Amino acid sequence: MDGMPSNLIDAYLRSLEATIRAISRPAVGAVVDLLYGAWQERRQVFICGNGGSAATASHMANDLCKYTVVDGRPRLKAHALTDNVPLMTAWGNDTEYANIFSEPLKNYMEPKDILIAISASGNSPNVLRAMEVARQIGGVTVGLTGDTGGA
């Protein structure tokens, strides 16, 4: 592997292993239980995030819609709020960037629906506002953040 010192690769992989070991298994189980309950009760799941977390939100919605299909059973309804770029930019341009996820939630979210908000810092104003709006609607909120947690 020319160009990349093996010590950097080893350090990255050790860091990744430590991160995976630190993930709370009970917390992951609680999210799985929430998603299973949403599927059983025909509730919707909304997912949002910025930058790389936007890509993660889109990928997660894809996987929840595609890889949870059980023949003869209703399908899980998952939506990435990051996938409607025209709506995001309309809210960002006409009001403020902090509204790009919260305003669409006001259109679609019902009580007991779930919002999964992804933010490495845990401090993104648009993600935090979406969490506030989801709670006001009566939704269930799940935050996925970096190790410091943020707000």
Protein backbone atom coordinates (compact mmCIF):
# COMPACT_ATOMS: atom_id res chain seq x y z
CA MET A 1 0.00 0.00 0.00
CA ASP A 2 2.05 2.86 -1.31
CA GLY A 3 1.44 6.29 0.11
CA MET A 4 -0.41 5.34 3.31
CA PRO A 5 1.79 4.45 6.30
CA SER A 6 0.62 1.25 7.94
CA ASN A 7 0.78 2.88 11.38
CA LEU A 8 -1.99 5.31 10.33
CA ILE A 9 -4.14 2.44 9.12
CA ASP A 10 -3.53 0.52 12.35
CA ALA A 11 -4.37 3.59 14.44
CA TYR A 12 -7.59 4.15 12.50
CA LEU A 13 -8.67 0.52 12.85
CA ARG A 14 -7.84 0.50 16.58
CA SER A 15 -9.93 3.65 17.01
CA LEU A 16 -12.81 2.09 15.08
CA GLU A 17 -12.64 -1.09 17.18
CA ALA A 18 -12.69 0.95 20.41
CA THR A 19 -15.68 2.94 19.16
CA ILE A 20 -17.61 -0.21 18.31
CA ARG A 21 -16.79 -1.75 21.70
CA ALA A 22 -18.06 1.42 23.44
CA ILE A 23 -21.49 1.34 21.78
CA SER A 24 -24.19 0.57 24.32
CA ARG A 25 -25.84 -2.70 23.38
CA PRO A 26 -28.91 -1.92 25.51
CA ALA A 27 -29.31 1.46 23.75
CA VAL A 28 -29.10 -0.21 20.33
CA GLY A 29 -31.63 -2.78 21.52
CA ALA A 30 -33.98 -0.01 22.65
CA VAL A 31 -33.84 1.60 19.19
CA VAL A 32 -34.47 -1.77 17.53
CA ASP A 33 -37.48 -2.25 19.82
CA LEU A 34 -38.79 1.22 18.85
CA LEU A 35 -38.42 0.43 15.15
CA TYR A 36 -40.08 -2.95 15.56
CA GLY A 37 -42.97 -1.29 17.39
CA ALA A 38 -43.28 1.32 14.63
CA TRP A 39 -43.49 -1.47 12.07
CA GLN A 40 -46.11 -3.36 14.07
CA GLU A 41 -48.22 -0.25 14.65
CA ARG A 42 -47.79 1.12 11.09
CA ARG A 43 -46.08 4.28 12.35
CA GLN A 44 -43.59 6.23 10.26
CA VAL A 45 -39.87 6.72 10.84
CA PHE A 46 -38.21 9.98 9.80
CA ILE A 47 -34.44 10.39 9.67
CA CYS A 48 -32.31 13.52 9.31
CA GLY A 49 -28.72 14.74 9.51
CA ASN A 50 -26.21 17.10 7.90
CA GLY A 51 -23.26 16.36 5.63
CA GLY A 52 -22.11 12.77 6.02
CA SER A 53 -24.97 12.25 8.46
CA ALA A 54 -27.38 13.24 5.66
CA ALA A 55 -25.95 10.41 3.59
CA THR A 56 -26.31 8.11 6.59
CA ALA A 57 -29.95 9.20 7.00
CA SER A 58 -30.68 8.44 3.37
CA HIS A 59 -28.91 5.09 3.55
CA MET A 60 -30.72 4.16 6.77
CA ALA A 61 -34.14 4.96 5.25
CA ASN A 62 -33.22 2.88 2.22
CA ASP A 63 -32.23 -0.10 4.35
CA LEU A 64 -35.29 0.18 6.61
CA CYS A 65 -37.60 0.23 3.59
CA LYS A 66 -35.82 -2.47 1.59
CA TYR A 67 -34.32 -4.93 4.04
CA THR A 68 -37.22 -5.23 6.46
CA VAL A 69 -39.69 -6.57 3.92
CA VAL A 70 -41.53 -9.70 5.07
CA ASP A 71 -43.79 -11.34 2.48
CA GLY A 72 -47.45 -10.93 3.33
CA ARG A 73 -46.78 -8.30 6.02
CA PRO A 74 -47.13 -4.51 5.88
CA ARG A 75 -43.90 -2.67 5.16
CA LEU A 76 -41.99 -0.33 7.44
CA LYS A 77 -42.48 3.31 6.41
CA ALA A 78 -39.15 5.16 6.65
CA HIS A 79 -38.35 8.56 5.15
CA ALA A 80 -35.08 10.48 4.97
CA LEU A 81 -35.89 14.18 5.37
CA THR A 82 -32.60 14.78 3.57
CA ASP A 83 -33.88 13.34 0.29
CA ASN A 84 -36.14 16.22 -0.76
CA VAL A 85 -33.49 18.80 -1.63
CA PRO A 86 -35.92 21.28 -3.26
CA LEU A 87 -38.04 21.39 -0.10
CA MET A 88 -34.96 21.69 2.13
CA THR A 89 -33.58 24.58 0.09
CA ALA A 90 -36.98 26.30 -0.07
CA TRP A 91 -37.23 26.34 3.73
CA GLY A 92 -33.58 27.31 4.09
CA ASN A 93 -33.87 30.14 1.59
CA ASP A 94 -37.30 31.47 2.56
CA THR A 95 -36.90 31.23 6.34
CA GLU A 96 -33.66 29.90 7.80
CA TYR A 97 -31.48 26.82 7.51
CA ALA A 98 -32.52 25.69 11.00
CA ASN A 99 -36.01 24.92 9.59
CA ILE A 100 -35.03 22.51 6.80
CA PHE A 101 -36.09 19.41 8.76
CA SER A 102 -38.61 20.77 11.28
CA GLU A 103 -40.97 22.30 8.74
CA PRO A 104 -41.38 19.11 6.65
CA LEU A 105 -42.00 17.21 9.90
CA LYS A 106 -44.96 19.51 10.51
CA ASN A 107 -46.41 18.28 7.20
CA TYR A 108 -45.88 14.56 7.70
CA MET A 109 -45.28 13.53 11.29
CA GLU A 110 -48.07 12.14 13.46
CA PRO A 111 -48.03 11.44 17.20
CA LYS A 112 -46.02 8.30 18.04
CA ASP A 113 -44.07 8.46 14.75
CA ILE A 114 -40.30 8.32 15.25
CA LEU A 115 -37.59 10.82 14.38
CA ILE A 116 -34.01 9.56 14.24
CA ALA A 117 -31.71 12.59 14.25
CA ILE A 118 -28.04 12.05 13.39
CA SER A 119 -25.42 14.65 14.35
CA ALA A 120 -21.73 14.02 14.99
CA SER A 121 -21.54 17.06 17.29
CA GLY A 122 -25.06 16.76 18.67
CA ASN A 123 -25.33 20.54 18.28
CA SER A 124 -26.67 21.13 14.76
CA PRO A 125 -29.43 23.77 15.06
CA ASN A 126 -31.56 22.24 12.29
CA VAL A 127 -31.35 18.77 13.84
CA LEU A 128 -32.11 20.10 17.33
CA ARG A 129 -35.11 22.08 16.01
CA ALA A 130 -36.42 18.93 14.30
CA MET A 131 -36.16 17.11 17.65
CA GLU A 132 -38.12 19.92 19.37
CA VAL A 133 -40.87 19.87 16.74
CA ALA A 134 -41.10 16.07 16.82
CA ARG A 135 -41.61 16.20 20.59
CA GLN A 136 -44.23 18.96 20.24
CA ILE A 137 -46.13 16.75 17.77
CA GLY A 138 -45.96 13.84 20.21
CA GLY A 139 -43.35 11.88 18.31
CA VAL A 140 -40.63 9.66 19.71
CA THR A 141 -37.09 11.00 19.26
CA VAL A 142 -33.81 9.14 18.93
CA GLY A 143 -30.51 11.00 18.77
CA LEU A 144 -27.38 9.44 17.31
CA THR A 145 -24.35 11.58 18.15
CA GLY A 146 -20.61 11.48 18.51
CA ASP A 147 -18.94 10.57 21.78
CA THR A 148 -19.50 13.97 23.43
CA GLY A 149 -23.26 13.82 22.85
CA GLY A 150 -23.80 17.55 22.44
CA ALA A 151 -27.09 19.27 23.23
